[in-house]
């Protein structure tokens, strides 16, 4: 009687892993939404670039349009990186809790980024993409700053040095 109850309980416990499908589907839908939104932003940005070549545009307006365009490009990169994080997260959860994705393992064109073998693989891949998002955000904020003192410029240089150090340490950690 106890063995039978144990077997039933273990079966229910094992099948409960399928609740992860909610996170997989939600992450996949969120990734698709981010890809869609970011693609529309990119199309919208490109459609406004015709103004840049206009001979009636004065230097100040051209400079403002250029600055806005650079800011939009950074936002677009950030959006695609976020969509990528969600996609990697969805695929990783599926492979860890539900099943290996046979098509990914058999495909010659599949990337190792999308094949997750354990939780540490998932964390490492997500950490790399999140680090890239943080770098893009740093660039976005740094490009909009106006420096008035040498101290502010030194703080920017220190921030750039720390970004470089973070990238170096993340790559050095891969070798081990």
N, C-alpha and C. Protein backbone atom coordinates (compact mmCIF):
# COMPACT_ATOMS: atom_id res chain seq x y z
N UNK A 1 0.83 -1.20 0.00
CA UNK A 1 0.00 0.00 0.00
C UNK A 1 0.87 1.26 0.00
N UNK A 2 1.90 1.29 0.85
CA UNK A 2 2.79 2.45 0.92
C UNK A 2 3.59 2.58 -0.37
N UNK A 3 4.05 1.47 -0.92
CA UNK A 3 4.81 1.49 -2.17
C UNK A 3 3.96 2.06 -3.31
N UNK A 4 2.68 1.65 -3.33
CA UNK A 4 1.78 2.13 -4.38
C UNK A 4 1.55 3.64 -4.24
N UNK A 5 1.34 4.10 -3.01
CA UNK A 5 1.14 5.54 -2.76
C UNK A 5 2.41 6.31 -3.13
N UNK A 6 3.56 5.74 -2.81
CA UNK A 6 4.83 6.38 -3.14
C UNK A 6 4.98 6.49 -4.66
N UNK A 7 4.63 5.43 -5.36
CA UNK A 7 4.73 5.42 -6.82
C UNK A 7 3.80 6.45 -7.44
N UNK A 8 2.59 6.56 -6.92
CA UNK A 8 1.63 7.55 -7.42
C UNK A 8 2.14 8.96 -7.14
N UNK A 9 2.62 9.18 -5.91
CA UNK A 9 3.12 10.50 -5.55
C UNK A 9 4.31 10.90 -6.43
N UNK A 10 5.23 9.99 -6.66
CA UNK A 10 6.39 10.27 -7.50
C UNK A 10 5.97 10.56 -8.94
N UNK A 11 4.94 9.85 -9.40
CA UNK A 11 4.43 10.11 -10.75
C UNK A 11 3.85 11.51 -10.86
N UNK A 12 3.06 11.90 -9.86
CA UNK A 12 2.47 13.24 -9.85
C UNK A 12 3.59 14.29 -9.74
N UNK A 13 4.55 14.04 -8.88
CA UNK A 13 5.67 14.95 -8.71
C UNK A 13 6.44 15.12 -10.01
N UNK A 14 6.72 14.01 -10.69
CA UNK A 14 7.45 14.06 -11.95
C UNK A 14 6.66 14.82 -13.02
N UNK A 15 5.35 14.57 -13.09
CA UNK A 15 4.52 15.24 -14.09
C UNK A 15 4.34 16.72 -13.78
N UNK A 16 4.55 17.13 -12.55
CA UNK A 16 4.38 18.54 -12.19
C UNK A 16 5.40 19.44 -12.87
N UNK A 17 6.46 18.86 -13.44
CA UNK A 17 7.45 19.66 -14.14
C UNK A 17 6.84 20.36 -15.34
N UNK A 18 5.72 19.85 -15.83
CA UNK A 18 5.08 20.45 -17.00
C UNK A 18 4.50 21.83 -16.71
N UNK A 19 4.43 22.21 -15.44
CA UNK A 19 3.99 23.57 -15.12
C UNK A 19 4.98 24.59 -15.68
N UNK A 20 6.21 24.17 -15.94
CA UNK A 20 7.23 25.03 -16.54
C UNK A 20 6.81 25.47 -17.94
N UNK A 21 5.94 24.70 -18.57
CA UNK A 21 5.47 25.09 -19.90
C UNK A 21 4.80 26.46 -19.89
N UNK A 22 4.20 26.83 -18.77
CA UNK A 22 3.61 28.17 -18.66
C UNK A 22 4.69 29.24 -18.82
N UNK A 23 5.82 29.04 -18.16
CA UNK A 23 6.93 29.99 -18.27
C UNK A 23 7.54 29.96 -19.67
N UNK A 24 7.64 28.77 -20.25
CA UNK A 24 8.20 28.64 -21.61
C UNK A 24 7.32 29.39 -22.61
N UNK A 25 6.03 29.15 -22.56
CA UNK A 25 5.11 29.78 -23.51
C UNK A 25 5.06 31.29 -23.28
N UNK A 26 5.00 31.71 -22.01
CA UNK A 26 4.98 33.15 -21.71
C UNK A 26 6.25 33.84 -22.17
N UNK A 27 7.40 33.20 -21.95
CA UNK A 27 8.67 33.79 -22.38
C UNK A 27 8.75 33.85 -23.90
N UNK A 28 8.28 32.81 -24.56
CA UNK A 28 8.29 32.79 -26.02
C UNK A 28 7.38 33.88 -26.59
N UNK A 29 6.19 34.01 -26.03
CA UNK A 29 5.28 35.07 -26.49
C UNK A 29 5.85 36.46 -26.21
N UNK A 30 6.49 36.62 -25.06
CA UNK A 30 7.12 37.90 -24.74
C UNK A 30 8.27 38.20 -25.69
N UNK A 31 9.05 37.18 -26.05
CA UNK A 31 10.14 37.36 -27.01
C UNK A 31 9.59 37.78 -28.37
N UNK A 32 8.53 37.12 -28.81
CA UNK A 32 7.92 37.48 -30.09
C UNK A 32 7.38 38.92 -30.05
N UNK A 33 6.80 39.29 -28.93
CA UNK A 33 6.30 40.66 -28.78
C UNK A 33 7.45 41.67 -28.85
N UNK A 34 8.56 41.36 -28.19
CA UNK A 34 9.71 42.27 -28.22
C UNK A 34 10.30 42.35 -29.62
N UNK A 35 10.39 41.22 -30.33
CA UNK A 35 10.88 41.24 -31.71
C UNK A 35 9.96 42.11 -32.58
N UNK A 36 8.67 41.95 -32.40
CA UNK A 36 7.69 42.73 -33.18
C UNK A 36 7.83 44.22 -32.89
N UNK A 37 7.79 44.58 -31.62
CA UNK A 37 7.86 46.00 -31.21
C UNK A 37 9.16 46.63 -31.70
N UNK A 38 10.26 45.93 -31.53
CA UNK A 38 11.56 46.48 -31.92
C UNK A 38 11.67 46.60 -33.43
N UNK A 39 11.13 45.65 -34.16
CA UNK A 39 11.15 45.73 -35.62
C UNK A 39 10.33 46.92 -36.11
N UNK A 40 9.18 47.14 -35.51
CA UNK A 40 8.35 48.30 -35.87
C UNK A 40 9.11 49.59 -35.55
N UNK A 41 9.79 49.64 -34.39
CA UNK A 41 10.60 50.81 -34.05
C UNK A 41 11.70 51.04 -35.08
N UNK A 42 12.33 49.96 -35.55
CA UNK A 42 13.41 50.08 -36.54
C UNK A 42 12.85 50.61 -37.86
N UNK A 43 11.72 50.09 -38.29
CA UNK A 43 11.10 50.55 -39.53
C UNK A 43 10.72 52.02 -39.42
N UNK A 44 10.15 52.39 -38.29
CA UNK A 44 9.74 53.78 -38.05
C UNK A 44 10.96 54.70 -38.08
N UNK A 45 12.06 54.27 -37.45
CA UNK A 45 13.27 55.08 -37.41
C UNK A 45 13.84 55.28 -38.83
N UNK A 46 13.92 54.20 -39.59
CA UNK A 46 14.47 54.28 -40.95
C UNK A 46 13.59 55.17 -41.83
N UNK A 47 12.29 55.12 -41.63
CA UNK A 47 11.38 55.92 -42.46
C UNK A 47 11.59 57.42 -42.24
N UNK A 48 12.14 57.81 -41.12
CA UNK A 48 12.36 59.23 -40.83
C UNK A 48 13.75 59.71 -41.24
N UNK A 49 14.59 58.83 -41.74
CA UNK A 49 15.95 59.22 -42.10
C UNK A 49 16.02 60.01 -43.41
N UNK A 50 14.99 59.98 -44.20
CA UNK A 50 14.97 60.77 -45.43
C UNK A 50 15.13 62.25 -45.15
N UNK A 51 14.64 62.70 -44.01
CA UNK A 51 14.75 64.11 -43.62
C UNK A 51 16.20 64.54 -43.45
N UNK A 52 17.06 63.61 -43.10
CA UNK A 52 18.46 63.94 -42.81
C UNK A 52 19.17 64.54 -44.03
N UNK A 53 18.83 64.09 -45.23
CA UNK A 53 19.48 64.57 -46.45
C UNK A 53 18.82 65.83 -47.01
N UNK A 54 17.78 66.30 -46.38
CA UNK A 54 17.06 67.46 -46.89
C UNK A 54 17.95 68.71 -46.86
N UNK A 55 18.04 69.43 -47.98
CA UNK A 55 18.87 70.64 -48.01
C UNK A 55 18.28 71.78 -47.18
N UNK A 56 16.99 71.70 -46.84
CA UNK A 56 16.37 72.75 -46.04
C UNK A 56 16.61 72.57 -44.55
N UNK A 57 17.20 71.46 -44.17
CA UNK A 57 17.45 71.17 -42.76
C UNK A 57 18.69 71.93 -42.30
N UNK A 58 18.54 72.74 -41.25
CA UNK A 58 19.71 73.48 -40.76
C UNK A 58 20.61 72.58 -39.92
N UNK A 59 21.79 73.06 -39.60
CA UNK A 59 22.81 72.25 -38.91
C UNK A 59 22.33 71.79 -37.53
N UNK A 60 21.64 72.63 -36.82
CA UNK A 60 21.16 72.26 -35.48
C UNK A 60 20.11 71.15 -35.56
N UNK A 61 19.19 71.28 -36.51
CA UNK A 61 18.16 70.25 -36.67
C UNK A 61 18.78 68.94 -37.14
N UNK A 62 19.78 69.02 -38.03
CA UNK A 62 20.46 67.81 -38.51
C UNK A 62 21.19 67.12 -37.35
N UNK A 63 21.84 67.91 -36.52
CA UNK A 63 22.55 67.36 -35.35
C UNK A 63 21.58 66.70 -34.38
N UNK A 64 20.43 67.34 -34.18
CA UNK A 64 19.41 66.78 -33.30
C UNK A 64 18.86 65.47 -33.86
N UNK A 65 18.61 65.43 -35.18
CA UNK A 65 18.11 64.21 -35.82
C UNK A 65 19.14 63.10 -35.72
N UNK A 66 20.41 63.45 -35.91
CA UNK A 66 21.49 62.46 -35.80
C UNK A 66 21.54 61.90 -34.38
N UNK A 67 21.47 62.77 -33.39
CA UNK A 67 21.50 62.34 -31.99
C UNK A 67 20.31 61.44 -31.66
N UNK A 68 19.13 61.85 -32.14
CA UNK A 68 17.94 61.04 -31.91
C UNK A 68 18.04 59.68 -32.59
N UNK A 69 18.62 59.66 -33.79
CA UNK A 69 18.77 58.41 -34.53
C UNK A 69 19.71 57.46 -33.81
N UNK A 70 20.83 57.99 -33.32
CA UNK A 70 21.77 57.15 -32.57
C UNK A 70 21.09 56.59 -31.33
N UNK A 71 20.32 57.42 -30.65
CA UNK A 71 19.60 56.96 -29.46
C UNK A 71 18.60 55.86 -29.83
N UNK A 72 17.90 56.02 -30.94
CA UNK A 72 16.94 55.00 -31.37
C UNK A 72 17.64 53.70 -31.76
N UNK A 73 18.79 53.80 -32.40
CA UNK A 73 19.54 52.59 -32.76
C UNK A 73 19.93 51.82 -31.50
N UNK A 74 20.38 52.55 -30.49
CA UNK A 74 20.76 51.90 -29.23
C UNK A 74 19.53 51.24 -28.59
N UNK A 75 18.39 51.91 -28.63
CA UNK A 75 17.16 51.33 -28.09
C UNK A 75 16.75 50.08 -28.87
N UNK A 76 16.96 50.10 -30.17
CA UNK A 76 16.61 48.94 -31.00
C UNK A 76 17.51 47.76 -30.66
N UNK A 77 18.81 48.02 -30.53
CA UNK A 77 19.73 46.94 -30.13
C UNK A 77 19.31 46.38 -28.78
N UNK A 78 18.96 47.27 -27.86
CA UNK A 78 18.51 46.86 -26.53
C UNK A 78 17.25 46.00 -26.62
N UNK A 79 16.31 46.38 -27.46
CA UNK A 79 15.08 45.60 -27.63
C UNK A 79 15.34 44.21 -28.18
N UNK A 80 16.19 44.12 -29.18
CA UNK A 80 16.52 42.81 -29.75
C UNK A 80 17.28 41.95 -28.74
N UNK A 81 18.16 42.56 -27.97
CA UNK A 81 18.86 41.79 -26.94
C UNK A 81 17.89 41.25 -25.89
N UNK A 82 16.93 42.06 -25.49
CA UNK A 82 15.93 41.62 -24.51
C UNK A 82 15.10 40.48 -25.09
N UNK A 83 14.72 40.58 -26.35
CA UNK A 83 13.97 39.50 -27.00
C UNK A 83 14.81 38.22 -27.03
N UNK A 84 16.11 38.37 -27.26
CA UNK A 84 17.00 37.23 -27.28
C UNK A 84 17.09 36.58 -25.91
N UNK A 85 17.16 37.38 -24.86
CA UNK A 85 17.18 36.84 -23.49
C UNK A 85 15.93 36.00 -23.25
N UNK A 86 14.79 36.51 -23.64
CA UNK A 86 13.53 35.78 -23.42
C UNK A 86 13.49 34.49 -24.23
N UNK A 87 14.01 34.53 -25.45
CA UNK A 87 14.04 33.33 -26.28
C UNK A 87 14.97 32.26 -25.70
N UNK A 88 16.17 32.68 -25.30
CA UNK A 88 17.13 31.74 -24.69
C UNK A 88 16.54 31.17 -23.41
N UNK A 89 15.88 32.00 -22.63
CA UNK A 89 15.26 31.55 -21.38
C UNK A 89 14.18 30.50 -21.66
N UNK A 90 13.33 30.76 -22.65
CA UNK A 90 12.26 29.81 -22.99
C UNK A 90 12.85 28.48 -23.45
N UNK A 91 13.81 28.53 -24.36
CA UNK A 91 14.42 27.30 -24.86
C UNK A 91 15.16 26.55 -23.75
N UNK A 92 15.86 27.30 -22.91
CA UNK A 92 16.60 26.68 -21.81
C UNK A 92 15.70 25.99 -20.81
N UNK A 93 14.62 26.66 -20.42
CA UNK A 93 13.68 26.03 -19.49
C UNK A 93 13.08 24.76 -20.08
N UNK A 94 12.73 24.83 -21.36
CA UNK A 94 12.15 23.66 -22.01
C UNK A 94 13.13 22.50 -22.00
N UNK A 95 14.38 22.77 -22.38
CA UNK A 95 15.38 21.70 -22.43
C UNK A 95 15.71 21.16 -21.04
N UNK A 96 15.70 22.01 -20.04
CA UNK A 96 16.04 21.55 -18.69
C UNK A 96 14.92 20.75 -18.03
N UNK A 97 13.68 21.15 -18.25
CA UNK A 97 12.59 20.55 -17.49
C UNK A 97 11.69 19.61 -18.29
N UNK A 98 11.60 19.82 -19.59
CA UNK A 98 10.63 19.05 -20.37
C UNK A 98 11.34 18.00 -21.22
N UNK A 99 12.11 18.46 -22.20
CA UNK A 99 12.73 17.52 -23.13
C UNK A 99 13.81 18.24 -23.93
N UNK A 100 14.78 17.47 -24.40
CA UNK A 100 15.77 18.01 -25.33
C UNK A 100 15.05 18.35 -26.63
N UNK A 101 15.51 19.39 -27.29
CA UNK A 101 14.93 19.77 -28.58
C UNK A 101 15.72 19.04 -29.65
N UNK A 102 15.12 17.96 -30.16
CA UNK A 102 15.81 17.07 -31.11
C UNK A 102 16.23 17.81 -32.37
N UNK A 103 15.38 18.68 -32.88
CA UNK A 103 15.71 19.41 -34.11
C UNK A 103 16.94 20.29 -33.92
N UNK A 104 17.11 20.87 -32.75
CA UNK A 104 18.27 21.73 -32.49
C UNK A 104 19.54 20.90 -32.44
N UNK A 105 19.47 19.73 -31.84
CA UNK A 105 20.66 18.89 -31.71
C UNK A 105 21.07 18.28 -33.05
N UNK A 106 20.11 18.04 -33.93
CA UNK A 106 20.40 17.41 -35.22
C UNK A 106 20.72 18.43 -36.31
N UNK A 107 20.42 19.68 -36.07
CA UNK A 107 20.61 20.70 -37.09
C UNK A 107 22.07 21.13 -37.17
N UNK A 108 22.57 21.24 -38.41
CA UNK A 108 23.94 21.71 -38.61
C UNK A 108 24.03 23.21 -38.40
N UNK A 109 22.92 23.90 -38.55
CA UNK A 109 22.94 25.36 -38.43
C UNK A 109 22.60 25.85 -37.02
N UNK A 110 22.28 24.95 -36.12
CA UNK A 110 21.89 25.40 -34.78
C UNK A 110 23.11 25.93 -34.04
N UNK A 111 22.85 26.89 -33.23
CA UNK A 111 23.92 27.52 -32.45
C UNK A 111 24.01 26.84 -31.09
N UNK A 112 25.23 26.74 -30.58
CA UNK A 112 25.42 26.17 -29.23
C UNK A 112 24.77 27.05 -28.17
N UNK A 113 24.53 28.31 -28.50
CA UNK A 113 23.88 29.21 -27.55
C UNK A 113 22.49 28.70 -27.20
N UNK A 114 21.85 28.06 -28.15
CA UNK A 114 20.47 27.63 -27.94
C UNK A 114 20.35 26.23 -27.35
N UNK A 115 21.47 25.51 -27.20
CA UNK A 115 21.42 24.19 -26.59
C UNK A 115 21.91 24.29 -25.14
N UNK A 116 21.01 24.02 -24.22
CA UNK A 116 21.27 24.16 -22.80
C UNK A 116 21.38 22.77 -22.19
N UNK A 117 22.49 22.49 -21.51
CA UNK A 117 22.69 21.17 -20.91
C UNK A 117 22.38 21.13 -19.42
N UNK A 118 22.54 22.27 -18.74
CA UNK A 118 22.25 22.32 -17.31
C UNK A 118 21.93 23.75 -16.91
N UNK A 119 21.59 23.93 -15.66
CA UNK A 119 21.20 25.25 -15.17
C UNK A 119 22.34 26.24 -15.26
N UNK A 120 23.57 25.80 -15.07
CA UNK A 120 24.72 26.69 -15.19
C UNK A 120 24.88 27.18 -16.63
N UNK A 121 24.61 26.32 -17.62
CA UNK A 121 24.64 26.75 -19.02
C UNK A 121 23.63 27.87 -19.26
N UNK A 122 22.43 27.68 -18.75
CA UNK A 122 21.38 28.67 -18.93
C UNK A 122 21.78 29.98 -18.27
N UNK A 123 22.28 29.90 -17.05
CA UNK A 123 22.69 31.11 -16.34
C UNK A 123 23.82 31.83 -17.08
N UNK A 124 24.79 31.08 -17.57
CA UNK A 124 25.93 31.68 -18.27
C UNK A 124 25.48 32.38 -19.55
N UNK A 125 24.61 31.74 -20.30
CA UNK A 125 24.15 32.34 -21.55
C UNK A 125 23.30 33.59 -21.28
N UNK A 126 22.43 33.50 -20.29
CA UNK A 126 21.62 34.67 -19.95
C UNK A 126 22.50 35.80 -19.42
N UNK A 127 23.49 35.46 -18.62
CA UNK A 127 24.37 36.48 -18.05
C UNK A 127 25.11 37.24 -19.15
N UNK A 128 25.55 36.54 -20.20
CA UNK A 128 26.25 37.20 -21.30
C UNK A 128 25.35 38.19 -22.01
N UNK A 129 24.12 37.78 -22.28
CA UNK A 129 23.22 38.67 -23.00
C UNK A 129 22.80 39.83 -22.10
N UNK A 130 22.57 39.56 -20.83
CA UNK A 130 22.21 40.63 -19.90
C UNK A 130 23.35 41.62 -19.76
N UNK A 131 24.59 41.12 -19.76
CA UNK A 131 25.74 42.03 -19.70
C UNK A 131 25.76 42.93 -20.93
N UNK A 132 25.44 42.37 -22.08
CA UNK A 132 25.39 43.18 -23.29
C UNK A 132 24.29 44.23 -23.19
N UNK A 133 23.15 43.88 -22.61
CA UNK A 133 22.08 44.85 -22.42
C UNK A 133 22.55 45.99 -21.52
N UNK A 134 23.24 45.64 -20.44
CA UNK A 134 23.75 46.67 -19.53
C UNK A 134 24.77 47.58 -20.22
N UNK A 135 25.60 47.00 -21.06
CA UNK A 135 26.59 47.81 -21.80
C UNK A 135 25.87 48.75 -22.76
N UNK A 136 24.85 48.25 -23.43
CA UNK A 136 24.09 49.09 -24.34
C UNK A 136 23.40 50.22 -23.57
N UNK A 137 22.83 49.90 -22.41
CA UNK A 137 22.19 50.93 -21.58
C UNK A 137 23.21 51.97 -21.12
N UNK A 138 24.40 51.51 -20.73
CA UNK A 138 25.47 52.43 -20.33
C UNK A 138 25.80 53.36 -21.49
N UNK A 139 25.96 52.79 -22.69
CA UNK A 139 26.26 53.59 -23.87
C UNK A 139 25.14 54.59 -24.14
N UNK A 140 23.90 54.15 -24.00
CA UNK A 140 22.75 55.01 -24.24
C UNK A 140 22.77 56.22 -23.31
N UNK A 141 23.01 55.98 -22.03
CA UNK A 141 23.04 57.08 -21.06
C UNK A 141 24.28 57.95 -21.24
N UNK A 142 25.41 57.32 -21.50
CA UNK A 142 26.65 58.08 -21.66
C UNK A 142 26.60 58.98 -22.89
N UNK A 143 25.95 58.52 -23.95
CA UNK A 143 25.90 59.33 -25.17
C UNK A 143 25.00 60.54 -25.03
N UNK A 144 24.10 60.53 -24.06
CA UNK A 144 23.20 61.67 -23.89
C UNK A 144 23.69 62.66 -22.83
N UNK A 145 24.78 62.32 -22.15
CA UNK A 145 25.31 63.22 -21.12
C UNK A 145 26.07 64.39 -21.74
N UNK A 146 26.02 65.51 -21.06
CA UNK A 146 26.82 66.68 -21.45
C UNK A 146 27.81 66.92 -20.32
N UNK A 147 29.08 66.83 -20.68
CA UNK A 147 30.13 66.94 -19.67
C UNK A 147 30.56 68.39 -19.53
N UNK A 148 30.55 68.88 -18.28
CA UNK A 148 30.92 70.27 -18.02
C UNK A 148 32.20 70.38 -17.21
N UNK A 149 32.58 69.30 -16.54
CA UNK A 149 33.80 69.36 -15.73
C UNK A 149 34.69 68.17 -16.07
N UNK A 150 35.95 68.33 -15.71
CA UNK A 150 36.92 67.26 -15.93
C UNK A 150 36.55 66.03 -15.08
N UNK A 151 35.98 66.25 -13.91
CA UNK A 151 35.60 65.15 -13.03
C UNK A 151 34.53 64.28 -13.69
N UNK A 152 33.56 64.91 -14.34
CA UNK A 152 32.52 64.15 -15.03
C UNK A 152 33.12 63.32 -16.16
N UNK A 153 34.08 63.88 -16.88
CA UNK A 153 34.75 63.15 -17.95
C UNK A 153 35.56 61.99 -17.39
N UNK A 154 36.19 62.19 -16.25
CA UNK A 154 36.94 61.11 -15.60
C UNK A 154 36.01 60.00 -15.13
N UNK A 155 34.83 60.38 -14.67
CA UNK A 155 33.86 59.36 -14.25
C UNK A 155 33.39 58.54 -15.44
N UNK A 156 33.22 59.17 -16.61
CA UNK A 156 32.88 58.43 -17.82
C UNK A 156 34.01 57.47 -18.17
N UNK A 157 35.23 57.95 -18.11
CA UNK A 157 36.39 57.09 -18.41
C UNK A 157 36.45 55.91 -17.44
N UNK A 158 36.16 56.15 -16.17
CA UNK A 158 36.15 55.07 -15.18
C UNK A 158 35.05 54.07 -15.51
N UNK A 159 33.89 54.56 -15.92
CA UNK A 159 32.80 53.67 -16.30
C UNK A 159 33.16 52.81 -17.50
N UNK A 160 33.81 53.41 -18.48
CA UNK A 160 34.25 52.66 -19.66
C UNK A 160 35.29 51.61 -19.26
N UNK A 161 36.20 51.99 -18.37
CA UNK A 161 37.21 51.03 -17.89
C UNK A 161 36.55 49.86 -17.16
N UNK A 162 35.53 50.14 -16.36
CA UNK A 162 34.83 49.07 -15.64
C UNK A 162 34.07 48.15 -16.60
N UNK A 163 33.50 48.72 -17.65
CA UNK A 163 32.83 47.89 -18.67
C UNK A 163 33.86 46.98 -19.33
N UNK A 164 35.01 47.55 -19.67
CA UNK A 164 36.08 46.74 -20.27
C UNK A 164 36.54 45.64 -19.34
N UNK A 165 36.67 45.96 -18.06
CA UNK A 165 37.09 44.96 -17.06
C UNK A 165 36.04 43.86 -16.94
N UNK A 166 34.78 44.24 -16.93
CA UNK A 166 33.71 43.24 -16.85
C UNK A 166 33.74 42.30 -18.05
N UNK A 167 33.95 42.86 -19.24
CA UNK A 167 34.04 42.01 -20.43
C UNK A 167 35.26 41.10 -20.37
N UNK A 168 36.37 41.64 -19.93
CA UNK A 168 37.59 40.83 -19.81
C UNK A 168 37.38 39.67 -18.83
N UNK A 169 36.80 39.99 -17.66
CA UNK A 169 36.59 38.95 -16.65
C UNK A 169 35.58 37.91 -17.12
N UNK A 170 34.56 38.33 -17.86
CA UNK A 170 33.58 37.35 -18.34
C UNK A 170 34.22 36.42 -19.37
N UNK A 171 35.10 36.93 -20.20
CA UNK A 171 35.79 36.08 -21.18
C UNK A 171 36.86 35.22 -20.51
N UNK A 172 37.52 35.76 -19.50
CA UNK A 172 38.53 34.97 -18.78
C UNK A 172 37.87 33.83 -18.03
N UNK A 173 36.65 34.04 -17.54
CA UNK A 173 35.92 32.99 -16.84
C UNK A 173 35.50 31.86 -17.75
N UNK A 174 35.33 32.13 -19.05
CA UNK A 174 34.94 31.09 -20.01
C UNK A 174 36.03 30.06 -20.18
N UNK A 175 37.27 30.46 -20.05
CA UNK A 175 38.40 29.56 -20.30
C UNK A 175 38.53 28.50 -19.23
N UNK A 176 37.93 28.74 -18.08
CA UNK A 176 38.08 27.78 -16.96
C UNK A 176 36.97 26.78 -16.98
